[in-house]
N, C-alpha and C. Protein backbone atom coordinates (compact mmCIF):
# COMPACT_ATOMS: atom_id res chain seq x y z
N MET A 1 37.18 63.18 11.99
CA MET A 1 38.50 63.40 12.12
C MET A 1 39.08 63.09 13.58
N ALA A 2 38.19 63.81 15.01
CA ALA A 2 38.90 63.21 16.08
C ALA A 2 38.82 62.19 16.15
N ALA A 3 38.54 61.06 15.86
CA ALA A 3 38.65 59.87 15.65
C ALA A 3 40.05 59.04 14.33
N MET A 4 39.97 59.47 13.47
CA MET A 4 41.37 59.63 12.32
C MET A 4 42.36 59.76 13.64
N LEU A 5 42.78 61.49 14.13
CA LEU A 5 43.42 61.45 15.03
C LEU A 5 43.75 60.63 15.91
N LEU A 6 43.23 59.94 16.70
CA LEU A 6 43.39 59.65 17.83
C LEU A 6 43.72 58.37 17.50
N LEU A 7 43.58 57.84 16.19
CA LEU A 7 43.82 56.71 16.02
C LEU A 7 45.23 56.80 15.56
N LEU A 8 45.43 57.83 14.97
CA LEU A 8 46.47 58.10 13.98
C LEU A 8 48.07 58.49 15.62
N LEU A 9 47.64 59.23 16.49
CA LEU A 9 48.57 59.38 17.23
C LEU A 9 48.75 58.81 18.15
N GLY A 10 47.61 58.42 18.64
CA GLY A 10 47.95 57.72 20.18
C GLY A 10 48.32 55.61 20.18
N PRO A 11 48.21 55.10 19.37
CA PRO A 11 48.78 54.37 19.78
C PRO A 11 50.79 54.49 19.53
N ILE A 12 50.88 55.51 19.02
CA ILE A 12 52.33 55.65 19.02
C ILE A 12 52.90 56.10 20.22
N VAL A 13 51.84 57.60 20.24
CA VAL A 13 52.48 58.33 21.63
C VAL A 13 52.33 57.79 22.76
N LEU A 14 51.35 57.45 23.56
CA LEU A 14 51.16 57.19 24.41
C LEU A 14 51.95 55.87 24.81
N PRO A 15 52.39 54.54 24.07
CA PRO A 15 53.45 53.99 24.52
C PRO A 15 54.33 54.14 24.75
N ALA A 16 55.10 55.15 23.44
CA ALA A 16 56.30 55.68 23.85
C ALA A 16 56.48 56.71 25.19
N ALA A 17 55.59 56.98 25.38
CA ALA A 17 55.35 57.51 26.74
C ALA A 17 55.51 57.13 27.62
N TRP A 18 54.59 56.23 27.76
CA TRP A 18 54.90 55.49 28.94
C TRP A 18 56.18 54.67 29.04
N ILE A 19 56.62 53.34 27.86
CA ILE A 19 57.92 53.08 27.63
C ILE A 19 59.24 54.19 28.56
N ALA A 20 59.04 55.18 28.08
CA ALA A 20 60.32 56.23 28.28
C ALA A 20 60.22 57.00 29.91
N GLY A 21 58.47 56.53 29.99
CA GLY A 21 58.64 57.18 31.62
C GLY A 21 58.80 58.86 31.55
N ARG A 22 58.20 59.27 30.65
CA ARG A 22 57.80 60.77 29.88
C ARG A 22 56.15 60.97 29.51
N PRO A 23 55.10 60.69 30.59
CA PRO A 23 54.35 61.01 30.49
C PRO A 23 54.02 61.90 29.94
N TYR A 24 54.92 63.56 29.88
CA TYR A 24 54.41 64.52 29.69
C TYR A 24 55.04 64.24 27.77
N TRP A 25 55.28 63.17 27.15
CA TRP A 25 55.47 63.44 25.85
C TRP A 25 53.62 63.53 25.40
N VAL A 26 53.23 63.34 25.99
CA VAL A 26 52.02 63.23 25.45
C VAL A 26 51.01 64.25 25.34
N TYR A 27 51.24 65.68 26.24
CA TYR A 27 50.60 66.89 25.70
C TYR A 27 50.16 67.61 24.64
N PRO A 28 51.84 67.93 24.27
CA PRO A 28 51.94 68.58 22.76
C PRO A 28 51.31 67.55 21.82
N SER A 29 50.89 66.11 21.75
CA SER A 29 51.01 65.77 20.52
C SER A 29 48.79 65.94 20.50
N ALA A 30 48.21 66.00 22.17
CA ALA A 30 46.87 66.23 22.24
C ALA A 30 46.83 68.19 21.30
N ARG A 31 47.74 68.43 22.29
CA ARG A 31 47.18 69.89 21.88
C ARG A 31 47.27 69.73 20.03
N PHE A 32 48.05 69.59 19.79
CA PHE A 32 48.09 68.90 17.87
C PHE A 32 47.22 68.32 17.54
N GLY A 33 46.50 67.57 18.01
CA GLY A 33 44.97 66.90 18.05
C GLY A 33 44.09 67.79 18.03
N ALA A 34 43.84 68.24 18.97
CA ALA A 34 42.96 69.82 19.55
C ALA A 34 42.57 70.39 18.31
N ARG A 35 44.17 70.93 17.64
CA ARG A 35 44.37 72.19 16.56
C ARG A 35 44.38 71.39 15.37
N ASN A 36 44.20 70.62 15.23
CA ASN A 36 43.85 70.16 13.60
C ASN A 36 42.80 68.83 13.65
N TRP A 37 42.16 68.74 14.73
CA TRP A 37 40.25 68.37 14.59
C TRP A 37 39.42 69.76 14.14
N LEU A 38 39.93 70.69 14.30
CA LEU A 38 39.30 71.89 14.13
C LEU A 38 39.76 72.35 12.40
N ARG A 39 41.00 72.23 12.44
CA ARG A 39 41.28 72.86 11.51
C ARG A 39 41.33 71.81 9.90
N LEU A 40 41.02 70.67 10.15
CA LEU A 40 40.44 69.88 8.95
C LEU A 40 38.83 69.09 9.19
N SER A 41 38.40 69.37 9.84
CA SER A 41 36.36 70.03 9.92
C SER A 41 36.45 71.28 9.31
N GLY A 42 37.64 72.08 9.11
CA GLY A 42 37.23 73.50 8.46
C GLY A 42 36.66 74.19 9.07
N VAL A 43 37.05 74.53 10.41
CA VAL A 43 36.06 75.12 11.48
C VAL A 43 37.58 76.59 12.05
N LYS A 44 37.03 77.88 11.56
CA LYS A 44 38.37 78.14 12.22
C LYS A 44 38.13 79.13 13.22
N VAL A 45 38.82 79.65 14.36
CA VAL A 45 38.66 80.22 14.95
C VAL A 45 38.91 81.51 15.38
N ARG A 46 37.65 82.95 16.35
CA ARG A 46 38.13 83.25 16.00
C ARG A 46 38.09 83.90 17.90
N MET A 47 39.72 84.39 17.85
CA MET A 47 39.56 84.73 19.39
C MET A 47 39.03 86.33 19.78
N HIS A 48 38.41 86.74 21.00
CA HIS A 48 38.29 88.09 20.79
C HIS A 48 38.31 87.75 22.48
N GLY A 49 38.82 89.27 23.12
CA GLY A 49 39.11 89.70 24.41
C GLY A 49 40.45 88.90 25.17
N ARG A 50 40.92 88.46 24.15
CA ARG A 50 42.25 87.84 25.07
C ARG A 50 43.10 88.93 25.70
N GLU A 51 42.80 90.40 24.74
CA GLU A 51 43.86 91.33 25.78
C GLU A 51 43.29 91.77 27.60
N HIS A 52 41.89 91.18 27.98
CA HIS A 52 41.85 90.66 29.02
C HIS A 52 42.64 89.66 30.40
N LEU A 53 43.63 89.34 29.21
CA LEU A 53 43.99 88.08 30.22
C LEU A 53 45.72 88.65 30.00
N ASP A 54 46.14 87.29 31.39
CA ASP A 54 47.14 87.97 31.50
C ASP A 54 48.46 86.41 31.69
N PRO A 55 49.21 86.88 30.72
CA PRO A 55 49.73 85.58 30.12
C PRO A 55 50.97 84.94 31.50
N ASP A 56 51.19 85.76 32.20
CA ASP A 56 51.49 84.49 33.57
C ASP A 56 50.54 84.57 34.25
N GLN A 57 49.33 84.76 34.30
CA GLN A 57 48.16 84.00 35.90
C GLN A 57 47.80 83.22 35.20
N THR A 58 47.74 82.28 35.94
CA THR A 58 46.43 80.99 35.95
C THR A 58 44.54 81.30 36.31
N TYR A 59 44.30 81.18 35.78
CA TYR A 59 42.89 81.23 35.23
C TYR A 59 41.95 79.79 35.40
N VAL A 60 41.33 79.84 35.74
CA VAL A 60 39.53 78.88 35.23
C VAL A 60 38.70 79.70 34.44
N PHE A 61 38.54 78.84 33.48
CA PHE A 61 37.94 79.47 32.04
C PHE A 61 36.31 78.62 32.30
N VAL A 62 36.06 79.64 32.46
CA VAL A 62 34.15 78.80 32.23
C VAL A 62 33.81 79.04 31.51
N SER A 63 33.18 77.97 30.66
CA SER A 63 32.45 77.95 29.30
C SER A 63 31.30 77.26 29.21
N ASN A 64 30.70 77.74 27.91
CA ASN A 64 29.00 77.23 27.85
C ASN A 64 29.62 75.88 26.90
N HIS A 65 28.87 75.42 26.73
CA HIS A 65 28.84 73.90 25.83
C HIS A 65 27.95 73.31 25.10
N ARG A 66 27.39 74.07 23.98
CA ARG A 66 26.85 73.11 22.84
C ARG A 66 27.50 72.40 21.97
N SER A 67 28.54 71.69 22.04
CA SER A 67 29.44 71.35 20.92
C SER A 67 30.36 70.50 21.56
N TYR A 68 30.38 69.47 20.94
CA TYR A 68 32.06 68.64 20.99
C TYR A 68 33.22 69.43 20.00
N LEU A 69 32.74 70.05 19.49
CA LEU A 69 33.91 71.14 18.91
C LEU A 69 34.53 71.97 20.37
N ASP A 70 33.71 72.52 20.91
CA ASP A 70 34.02 73.42 22.26
C ASP A 70 35.11 72.44 22.81
N THR A 71 34.68 71.22 23.24
CA THR A 71 36.50 70.51 23.82
C THR A 71 37.28 71.23 23.45
N ALA A 72 37.33 70.76 22.30
CA ALA A 72 38.55 71.11 21.48
C ALA A 72 39.42 71.88 21.27
N ALA A 73 38.32 73.50 20.80
CA ALA A 73 38.93 74.75 21.65
C ALA A 73 39.11 75.68 22.94
N LEU A 74 38.75 74.90 23.94
CA LEU A 74 38.74 75.48 25.37
C LEU A 74 39.97 74.80 25.80
N PHE A 75 40.25 73.20 25.06
CA PHE A 75 41.51 72.62 25.50
C PHE A 75 42.80 73.89 25.06
N TYR A 76 42.98 74.35 23.81
CA TYR A 76 44.08 74.01 22.77
C TYR A 76 44.27 75.51 23.35
N TYR A 77 43.26 76.97 22.83
CA TYR A 77 43.34 78.07 22.20
C TYR A 77 43.87 79.40 24.26
N PRO A 78 43.10 78.83 25.33
CA PRO A 78 43.07 79.87 26.03
C PRO A 78 44.62 80.42 26.67
N LYS A 79 45.61 79.28 26.71
CA LYS A 79 46.64 79.07 27.30
C LYS A 79 47.27 77.68 26.90
N PRO A 80 49.01 77.96 26.82
CA PRO A 80 49.75 77.35 26.22
C PRO A 80 49.58 76.20 27.27
N ARG A 81 49.28 75.98 28.69
CA ARG A 81 49.13 75.03 29.32
C ARG A 81 48.05 74.39 29.64
N MET A 82 46.99 73.96 29.46
CA MET A 82 45.92 74.17 30.05
C MET A 82 45.04 72.35 30.63
N GLY A 83 44.31 72.27 31.38
CA GLY A 83 43.66 71.51 31.60
C GLY A 83 42.27 71.59 31.98
N VAL A 84 41.68 70.06 31.70
CA VAL A 84 40.25 70.39 31.57
C VAL A 84 39.42 69.42 32.28
N LEU A 85 38.23 69.95 32.84
CA LEU A 85 37.56 68.93 33.47
C LEU A 85 36.05 68.38 32.99
N ALA A 86 36.42 67.01 32.86
CA ALA A 86 35.15 66.77 31.68
C ALA A 86 34.29 65.68 32.86
N LYS A 87 33.07 65.18 31.67
CA LYS A 87 33.12 63.74 32.11
C LYS A 87 33.14 62.40 32.38
N LYS A 88 33.30 61.40 33.30
CA LYS A 88 33.95 60.48 33.58
C LYS A 88 33.33 59.84 32.55
N GLU A 89 32.56 59.50 31.41
CA GLU A 89 32.35 58.88 30.55
C GLU A 89 33.51 58.61 29.24
N LEU A 90 33.94 59.74 29.49
CA LEU A 90 35.60 60.23 28.48
C LEU A 90 36.20 58.98 28.69
N LEU A 91 36.49 58.73 30.01
CA LEU A 91 37.14 57.28 30.96
C LEU A 91 36.91 56.55 29.58
N LYS A 92 35.99 56.10 29.08
CA LYS A 92 35.16 54.50 28.25
C LYS A 92 35.87 54.92 27.10
N VAL A 93 36.06 56.14 26.33
CA VAL A 93 36.14 56.17 24.75
C VAL A 93 37.65 55.56 24.99
N PRO A 94 38.42 54.46 23.76
CA PRO A 94 39.16 53.74 23.57
C PRO A 94 40.44 55.02 23.56
N ILE A 95 41.67 55.00 23.82
CA ILE A 95 42.88 55.88 23.48
C ILE A 95 42.71 56.79 24.05
N LEU A 96 41.74 57.95 23.75
CA LEU A 96 41.63 58.85 25.27
C LEU A 96 41.43 58.69 26.13
N GLY A 97 40.47 58.23 26.57
CA GLY A 97 40.82 57.50 28.34
C GLY A 97 41.61 57.15 28.89
N TRP A 98 42.16 56.46 27.94
CA TRP A 98 44.16 55.69 29.03
C TRP A 98 44.49 57.04 28.87
N GLY A 99 44.57 58.46 27.74
CA GLY A 99 45.70 59.29 28.01
C GLY A 99 45.17 60.34 28.75
N MET A 100 43.46 60.58 28.99
CA MET A 100 43.21 61.72 29.66
C MET A 100 44.47 62.38 30.70
N GLU A 101 44.80 61.56 31.72
CA GLU A 101 45.27 61.82 33.14
C GLU A 101 46.96 62.45 32.65
N ASN A 102 47.62 62.08 31.66
CA ASN A 102 48.71 63.20 31.32
C ASN A 102 48.68 64.12 30.73
N VAL A 103 47.40 64.50 30.27
CA VAL A 103 47.12 66.22 29.45
C VAL A 103 46.03 66.74 31.12
N ASN A 104 46.16 66.65 32.02
CA ASN A 104 45.07 66.80 32.80
C ASN A 104 44.12 67.59 32.60
N ILE A 105 43.41 66.08 31.75
CA ILE A 105 42.31 65.86 31.89
C ILE A 105 41.73 64.97 33.52
N LYS A 106 40.68 65.94 34.04
CA LYS A 106 40.69 65.90 35.06
C LYS A 106 38.80 64.85 34.53
N ALA A 107 38.53 63.66 34.82
CA ALA A 107 37.13 62.98 34.27
C ALA A 107 36.47 63.28 35.55
N ILE A 108 35.35 64.00 35.97
CA ILE A 108 34.80 63.83 37.50
C ILE A 108 33.01 63.30 37.27
N ASP A 109 33.11 62.31 38.94
CA ASP A 109 32.05 61.50 38.44
C ASP A 109 30.63 62.47 39.17
N ARG A 110 29.85 62.91 38.45
CA ARG A 110 28.75 63.48 39.76
C ARG A 110 27.66 62.74 40.64
N SER A 111 27.79 61.65 39.77
CA SER A 111 27.25 60.54 41.02
C SER A 111 26.99 60.11 41.60
N ASN A 112 29.35 60.44 42.00
CA ASN A 112 29.24 60.07 43.31
C ASN A 112 30.28 61.12 44.07
N ARG A 113 29.28 61.79 45.21
CA ARG A 113 29.65 62.78 45.37
C ARG A 113 31.57 62.99 46.08
N GLU A 114 31.46 62.11 46.82
CA GLU A 114 33.07 61.86 47.51
C GLU A 114 34.02 61.26 46.27
N ARG A 115 33.86 60.93 45.20
CA ARG A 115 34.91 60.89 43.86
C ARG A 115 35.03 62.30 43.29
N ALA A 116 33.68 62.83 43.11
CA ALA A 116 33.59 63.94 42.41
C ALA A 116 34.53 65.44 42.99
N ALA A 117 34.30 65.33 44.46
CA ALA A 117 35.00 65.98 45.20
C ALA A 117 36.70 66.05 45.58
N ARG A 118 37.34 64.63 44.84
CA ARG A 118 38.89 63.98 45.46
C ARG A 118 39.09 64.53 43.43
N THR A 119 38.30 64.43 42.63
CA THR A 119 38.57 65.11 41.80
C THR A 119 38.54 66.50 40.83
N LEU A 120 38.23 67.16 42.03
CA LEU A 120 37.79 69.09 42.42
C LEU A 120 39.50 69.09 43.26
N ARG A 121 39.57 68.10 44.28
CA ARG A 121 41.26 68.40 44.91
C ARG A 121 42.27 68.47 44.06
N ALA A 122 41.91 67.71 42.99
CA ALA A 122 43.03 67.13 42.43
C ALA A 122 43.43 68.98 41.23
N ALA A 123 42.43 68.97 40.61
CA ALA A 123 42.12 69.83 39.79
C ALA A 123 42.65 71.17 40.44
N VAL A 124 42.36 71.51 41.63
CA VAL A 124 43.00 72.69 42.63
C VAL A 124 44.32 72.97 43.29
N ASP A 125 44.82 71.49 43.11
CA ASP A 125 46.32 71.05 42.86
C ASP A 125 47.42 71.61 41.62
N CYS A 126 46.15 70.89 40.52
CA CYS A 126 46.96 71.66 39.58
C CYS A 126 46.92 73.03 39.18
N LEU A 127 46.02 73.67 40.00
CA LEU A 127 45.71 74.78 39.17
C LEU A 127 47.29 75.84 40.53
N ARG A 128 47.18 75.36 41.62
CA ARG A 128 48.10 75.70 42.17
C ARG A 128 49.60 75.57 41.66
N SER A 129 49.40 74.47 40.99
CA SER A 129 50.96 74.42 40.25
C SER A 129 51.31 74.98 38.89
N GLY A 130 50.42 76.29 38.46
CA GLY A 130 50.31 76.86 38.00
C GLY A 130 49.60 76.72 36.08
N ILE A 131 48.90 75.64 36.00
CA ILE A 131 48.08 75.30 35.01
C ILE A 131 46.62 75.60 35.38
N SER A 132 46.94 76.03 34.25
CA SER A 132 44.60 76.74 34.18
C SER A 132 43.92 75.72 33.69
N PHE A 133 42.37 76.04 34.19
CA PHE A 133 41.94 75.02 33.69
C PHE A 133 40.57 75.66 32.99
N GLY A 134 39.79 74.51 32.50
CA GLY A 134 39.02 74.83 31.51
C GLY A 134 37.57 74.32 32.02
N VAL A 135 36.27 74.30 32.30
CA VAL A 135 35.46 74.06 32.37
C VAL A 135 33.99 74.44 31.82
N PHE A 136 33.77 72.97 31.24
CA PHE A 136 31.57 73.62 31.00
C PHE A 136 31.03 73.44 32.12
N ALA A 137 30.84 74.62 32.76
CA ALA A 137 29.59 74.51 33.47
C ALA A 137 28.60 74.09 34.00
N GLU A 138 28.04 73.75 32.59
CA GLU A 138 26.63 72.98 32.83
C GLU A 138 26.90 72.15 32.77
N GLY A 139 28.09 71.51 32.55
CA GLY A 139 27.76 69.98 33.09
C GLY A 139 27.91 69.00 32.44
N THR A 140 26.86 69.36 30.85
CA THR A 140 26.11 68.77 29.66
C THR A 140 26.31 69.68 28.46
N ARG A 141 26.47 69.10 27.30
CA ARG A 141 26.32 69.98 26.12
C ARG A 141 24.18 70.20 26.28
N ALA A 142 24.13 71.76 25.45
CA ALA A 142 22.97 72.37 25.90
C ALA A 142 22.71 71.54 23.93
N ARG A 143 21.10 72.00 24.24
CA ARG A 143 20.55 72.13 23.10
C ARG A 143 20.75 73.41 21.81
N PRO A 144 21.16 73.25 21.13
CA PRO A 144 20.73 74.63 20.25
C PRO A 144 20.50 75.91 20.32
N GLY A 145 20.96 77.22 21.20
CA GLY A 145 20.37 78.07 21.42
C GLY A 145 20.14 78.77 22.91
N GLN A 146 20.29 77.13 23.55
CA GLN A 146 20.17 76.89 24.95
C GLN A 146 21.21 77.29 25.79
N LEU A 147 21.19 77.73 27.06
CA LEU A 147 22.02 78.08 28.34
C LEU A 147 21.68 77.34 29.05
N LEU A 148 22.11 76.56 29.82
CA LEU A 148 21.95 75.59 31.03
C LEU A 148 22.02 76.45 32.07
N PRO A 149 22.02 76.19 33.59
CA PRO A 149 22.08 76.82 34.89
C PRO A 149 23.66 75.84 35.02
N PHE A 150 24.42 77.05 35.19
CA PHE A 150 25.85 76.62 35.55
C PHE A 150 26.43 75.75 37.60
N LYS A 151 26.93 74.39 37.24
CA LYS A 151 26.99 73.97 38.34
C LYS A 151 28.50 74.69 39.12
N LYS A 152 28.42 74.33 40.12
CA LYS A 152 29.04 75.82 41.38
C LYS A 152 30.70 75.14 41.13
N GLY A 153 30.75 73.95 41.38
CA GLY A 153 32.07 73.13 41.14
C GLY A 153 32.94 74.05 40.96
N PRO A 154 33.21 74.56 39.32
CA PRO A 154 34.49 75.30 39.12
C PRO A 154 34.39 76.66 39.56
N PHE A 155 33.92 76.38 40.68
CA PHE A 155 33.85 78.58 41.27
C PHE A 155 34.82 78.30 42.47
N TYR A 156 33.99 76.96 43.29
CA TYR A 156 35.01 76.17 44.44
C TYR A 156 36.29 76.28 44.25
N MET A 157 36.62 75.74 42.97
CA MET A 157 37.90 75.75 42.78
C MET A 157 38.75 76.92 42.34
N ALA A 158 37.80 77.84 41.91
CA ALA A 158 38.77 78.44 41.70
C ALA A 158 39.31 80.02 43.32
N ILE A 159 37.87 79.45 44.15
CA ILE A 159 38.37 80.47 44.98
C ILE A 159 38.89 79.69 46.25
N GLU A 160 39.35 77.94 45.88
CA GLU A 160 40.04 77.02 47.13
C GLU A 160 42.02 77.25 46.20
N ALA A 161 42.12 77.73 45.02
CA ALA A 161 42.53 77.40 44.59
C ALA A 161 43.20 79.51 44.73
N GLY A 162 42.41 79.73 44.61
CA GLY A 162 42.97 81.30 44.24
C GLY A 162 43.26 82.65 43.35
N VAL A 163 42.62 81.90 41.97
CA VAL A 163 42.64 82.12 41.14
C VAL A 163 41.30 82.61 40.43
N PRO A 164 41.78 83.69 39.50
CA PRO A 164 40.33 84.48 38.51
C PRO A 164 39.65 83.40 38.03
N ILE A 165 38.74 83.60 37.93
CA ILE A 165 37.34 83.11 37.01
C ILE A 165 37.61 83.73 35.90
N VAL A 166 37.40 83.52 34.48
CA VAL A 166 37.39 83.84 32.96
C VAL A 166 36.01 83.23 32.06
N PRO A 167 34.97 83.69 32.76
CA PRO A 167 33.79 83.76 31.94
C PRO A 167 34.52 83.38 30.07
N VAL A 168 33.58 82.29 29.77
CA VAL A 168 33.80 82.23 28.36
C VAL A 168 32.26 82.68 27.21
N ALA A 169 32.44 82.50 26.05
CA ALA A 169 31.31 82.41 25.60
C ALA A 169 31.70 82.03 23.93
N ILE A 170 31.09 80.85 24.00
CA ILE A 170 31.47 79.78 22.64
C ILE A 170 29.70 79.80 21.97
N LYS A 171 30.53 80.57 20.86
CA LYS A 171 30.07 81.19 19.80
C LYS A 171 29.53 80.40 18.78
N ASN A 172 28.70 80.16 17.79
CA ASN A 172 27.95 78.96 16.12
C ASN A 172 28.42 77.63 16.49
N THR A 173 29.24 76.91 17.60
CA THR A 173 29.38 75.99 17.22
C THR A 173 28.19 74.53 17.45
N ASP A 174 27.43 75.23 17.74
CA ASP A 174 25.87 75.08 18.23
C ASP A 174 25.32 74.70 16.74
N VAL A 175 25.77 75.41 15.59
CA VAL A 175 25.36 75.52 13.84
C VAL A 175 26.40 74.80 13.18
N LEU A 176 27.80 74.69 13.21
CA LEU A 176 28.58 73.52 13.47
C LEU A 176 28.43 71.85 13.57
N MET A 177 27.88 71.71 15.08
CA MET A 177 28.50 70.67 15.43
C MET A 177 27.20 70.41 16.41
N GLY A 178 25.94 70.73 16.24
CA GLY A 178 25.20 70.86 17.38
C GLY A 178 25.01 69.63 18.20
N LYS A 179 24.50 68.86 19.12
CA LYS A 179 24.22 68.39 19.83
C LYS A 179 23.22 67.16 19.03
N GLY A 180 23.40 66.18 19.24
CA GLY A 180 23.02 64.79 18.73
C GLY A 180 22.95 65.03 16.84
N THR A 181 24.51 65.36 16.76
CA THR A 181 25.18 65.00 15.59
C THR A 181 26.72 65.10 15.49
N GLY A 182 27.27 63.96 14.88
CA GLY A 182 28.23 63.57 14.83
C GLY A 182 29.06 64.26 13.36
N VAL A 183 28.73 65.29 12.78
CA VAL A 183 29.28 65.61 11.40
C VAL A 183 29.28 66.94 11.69
N ALA A 184 30.22 67.43 11.41
CA ALA A 184 31.07 68.96 11.63
C ALA A 184 30.91 69.99 10.36
N LYS A 185 30.25 70.72 10.21
CA LYS A 185 30.23 71.57 8.73
C LYS A 185 31.55 72.60 9.18
N PRO A 186 31.83 72.90 7.99
CA PRO A 186 32.90 74.46 8.08
C PRO A 186 32.41 75.64 8.08
N GLY A 187 33.24 76.59 9.13
CA GLY A 187 32.95 77.51 9.62
C GLY A 187 33.41 77.95 10.45
N ILE A 188 32.78 79.23 11.04
CA ILE A 188 33.69 80.01 11.46
C ILE A 188 33.29 79.98 13.29
N LEU A 189 34.13 79.82 14.45
CA LEU A 189 33.54 79.57 15.75
C LEU A 189 34.45 81.05 16.61
N ASP A 190 33.84 81.26 17.54
CA ASP A 190 33.74 82.95 18.12
C ASP A 190 33.74 82.45 19.29
N MET A 191 34.82 82.79 19.88
CA MET A 191 35.16 82.14 21.21
C MET A 191 35.90 84.22 22.21
N VAL A 192 34.85 83.87 22.98
CA VAL A 192 34.62 85.44 23.54
C VAL A 192 35.46 85.55 25.35
N PHE A 193 36.91 85.60 25.51
CA PHE A 193 36.97 85.49 26.79
C PHE A 193 36.52 86.97 27.44
N LEU A 194 35.53 87.11 28.29
CA LEU A 194 35.17 88.21 28.76
C LEU A 194 35.62 88.81 30.41
N GLN A 195 35.15 89.45 30.83
CA GLN A 195 36.43 90.47 31.56
C GLN A 195 36.89 89.26 33.07
N PRO A 196 38.44 88.93 33.29
CA PRO A 196 38.18 88.18 34.60
C PRO A 196 37.41 88.42 36.00
N ILE A 197 37.36 87.85 36.23
CA ILE A 197 36.30 87.65 38.00
C ILE A 197 37.71 87.82 38.71
N GLU A 198 37.88 88.71 39.87
CA GLU A 198 38.67 88.05 41.37
C GLU A 198 37.96 87.04 42.28
N THR A 199 39.01 86.42 43.08
CA THR A 199 38.15 85.59 43.89
C THR A 199 39.26 85.95 45.15
N ASN A 200 40.28 86.97 45.32
CA ASN A 200 40.87 86.99 46.59
C ASN A 200 39.81 87.12 47.76
N GLY A 201 39.69 86.89 49.20
CA GLY A 201 39.16 87.17 49.84
C GLY A 201 37.97 86.31 49.34
N LEU A 202 37.33 85.69 49.44
CA LEU A 202 36.29 84.97 48.98
C LEU A 202 36.68 83.58 49.62
N SER A 203 35.35 83.22 50.15
CA SER A 203 35.60 81.68 50.69
C SER A 203 34.37 80.76 51.08
N THR A 204 33.17 81.41 51.40
CA THR A 204 32.06 81.07 51.75
C THR A 204 31.42 80.42 50.36
N ASP A 205 29.83 80.21 51.19
CA ASP A 205 29.18 78.92 49.80
C ASP A 205 28.42 80.23 49.24
N GLU A 206 27.93 80.94 49.64
CA GLU A 206 27.49 81.95 49.47
C GLU A 206 28.01 82.97 48.38
N ASP A 207 29.74 83.02 48.41
CA ASP A 207 30.24 83.92 47.19
C ASP A 207 30.50 82.61 46.61
N ALA A 208 30.15 81.67 46.71
CA ALA A 208 30.65 80.51 45.42
C ALA A 208 29.24 80.60 44.29
N ARG A 209 28.17 80.96 45.49
CA ARG A 209 26.57 81.07 44.55
C ARG A 209 26.69 82.67 43.38
N ARG A 210 27.50 83.58 44.76
CA ARG A 210 27.19 84.83 43.67
C ARG A 210 28.17 84.93 42.03
N LEU A 211 29.35 84.05 42.42
CA LEU A 211 30.40 83.84 41.20
C LEU A 211 29.54 83.05 40.37
N THR A 212 29.04 82.35 40.30
CA THR A 212 27.94 81.41 39.63
C THR A 212 27.33 82.02 38.43
N GLU A 213 26.28 83.31 39.60
CA GLU A 213 25.33 83.83 38.95
C GLU A 213 25.72 84.83 38.01
N MET A 214 27.56 85.44 38.39
CA MET A 214 27.50 86.40 37.80
C MET A 214 28.86 85.51 36.19
N ALA A 215 29.08 85.08 36.63
CA ALA A 215 29.18 84.33 35.18
C ALA A 215 28.16 83.97 34.48
N HIS A 216 27.42 82.97 34.54
CA HIS A 216 26.19 82.76 34.30
C HIS A 216 25.53 83.95 33.45
N ALA A 217 25.69 84.96 34.19
CA ALA A 217 24.65 86.17 33.40
C ALA A 217 25.49 87.10 32.48
N ARG A 218 27.02 87.22 32.86
CA ARG A 218 28.07 87.68 31.65
C ARG A 218 28.06 86.50 29.93
N VAL A 219 28.05 85.45 30.09
CA VAL A 219 27.80 84.36 29.38
C VAL A 219 26.61 84.88 28.73
N ALA A 220 25.47 84.61 29.60
CA ALA A 220 24.55 84.84 28.41
C ALA A 220 23.59 86.10 27.72
N GLU A 221 24.58 86.97 28.83
CA GLU A 221 24.60 88.23 27.72
C GLU A 221 25.32 88.36 26.46
N GLU A 222 26.06 88.03 26.32
CA GLU A 222 27.64 87.76 25.18
C GLU A 222 26.74 86.83 24.39
N LEU A 223 25.92 85.93 25.30
CA LEU A 223 25.52 85.26 23.91
C LEU A 223 23.62 85.65 22.77
N LYS A 224 23.52 86.58 24.18
CA LYS A 224 22.05 87.73 23.21
C LYS A 224 22.59 88.55 22.51
N ARG A 225 24.14 88.53 22.47
CA ARG A 225 24.40 90.06 21.51
C ARG A 225 24.81 88.94 20.32
N GLU A 226 25.09 87.66 20.46
CA GLU A 226 24.92 86.59 19.04
C GLU A 226 23.79 86.91 18.95
N MET A 227 22.58 86.35 19.01
CA MET A 227 21.37 86.18 19.06
C MET A 227 20.89 88.30 17.98
N SER A 228 21.25 88.81 18.60
CA SER A 228 20.99 90.35 18.06
C SER A 228 21.80 90.04 16.29
N ASP A 229 22.97 89.91 16.27
CA ASP A 229 23.83 90.40 15.61
C ASP A 229 23.06 89.22 14.12
N VAL A 230 22.95 87.55 14.48
CA VAL A 230 22.07 87.19 13.68
C VAL A 230 21.06 88.05 12.84
N ARG A 231 19.97 88.38 14.02
CA ARG A 231 18.77 89.19 13.95
C ARG A 231 19.37 90.48 13.16
N GLY A 232 19.80 90.69 13.49
CA GLY A 232 20.47 92.20 12.12
C GLY A 232 21.00 92.14 11.39
């Protein structure tokens, strides 16, 4: 479904936006593609905790990551205008890689510290301009049922931009389309927005470490609730 939507929309929207000098034309098409990738795959998204979010506030959304489906959900649902921090390998994907910068998807190269820092600074600039960011803090997709340690990068971003962090627990995508498969099954994806964590007055490495541990603990607790529900 994702490939079909890319092939359908990309060759039309990207050249048109480039010729017209209006790169912002790409963003609505990207949102349309993300939403309909889920819809055409038979995935229904149930959101919980939206009452915690201020529609006028910029956030860094920090989520677990078990499936490709998480990417479409994190890009589309939290806010009307979102950027995403992604792995540099996505730049190699035809069409997608060409259009990423136009929709505020920042590709981070974790193998090169200087380039990674430059990407994070660009993301901070977007946050300061009012664009919220979604980050899969584990840095890669986890195996079904796993939650890997969180990287500190998104927490430094939030501290530098002075915006709150929202831990996000995405549930059931490892069942619908887990790591190691390219086939999605119809079903329900639960997206839980947990209480935002303020970053005002924070600045040190120790602050970033505490934020990382706090967000990880909150997501882990919510995912355990998922396991309790399944077992019950």
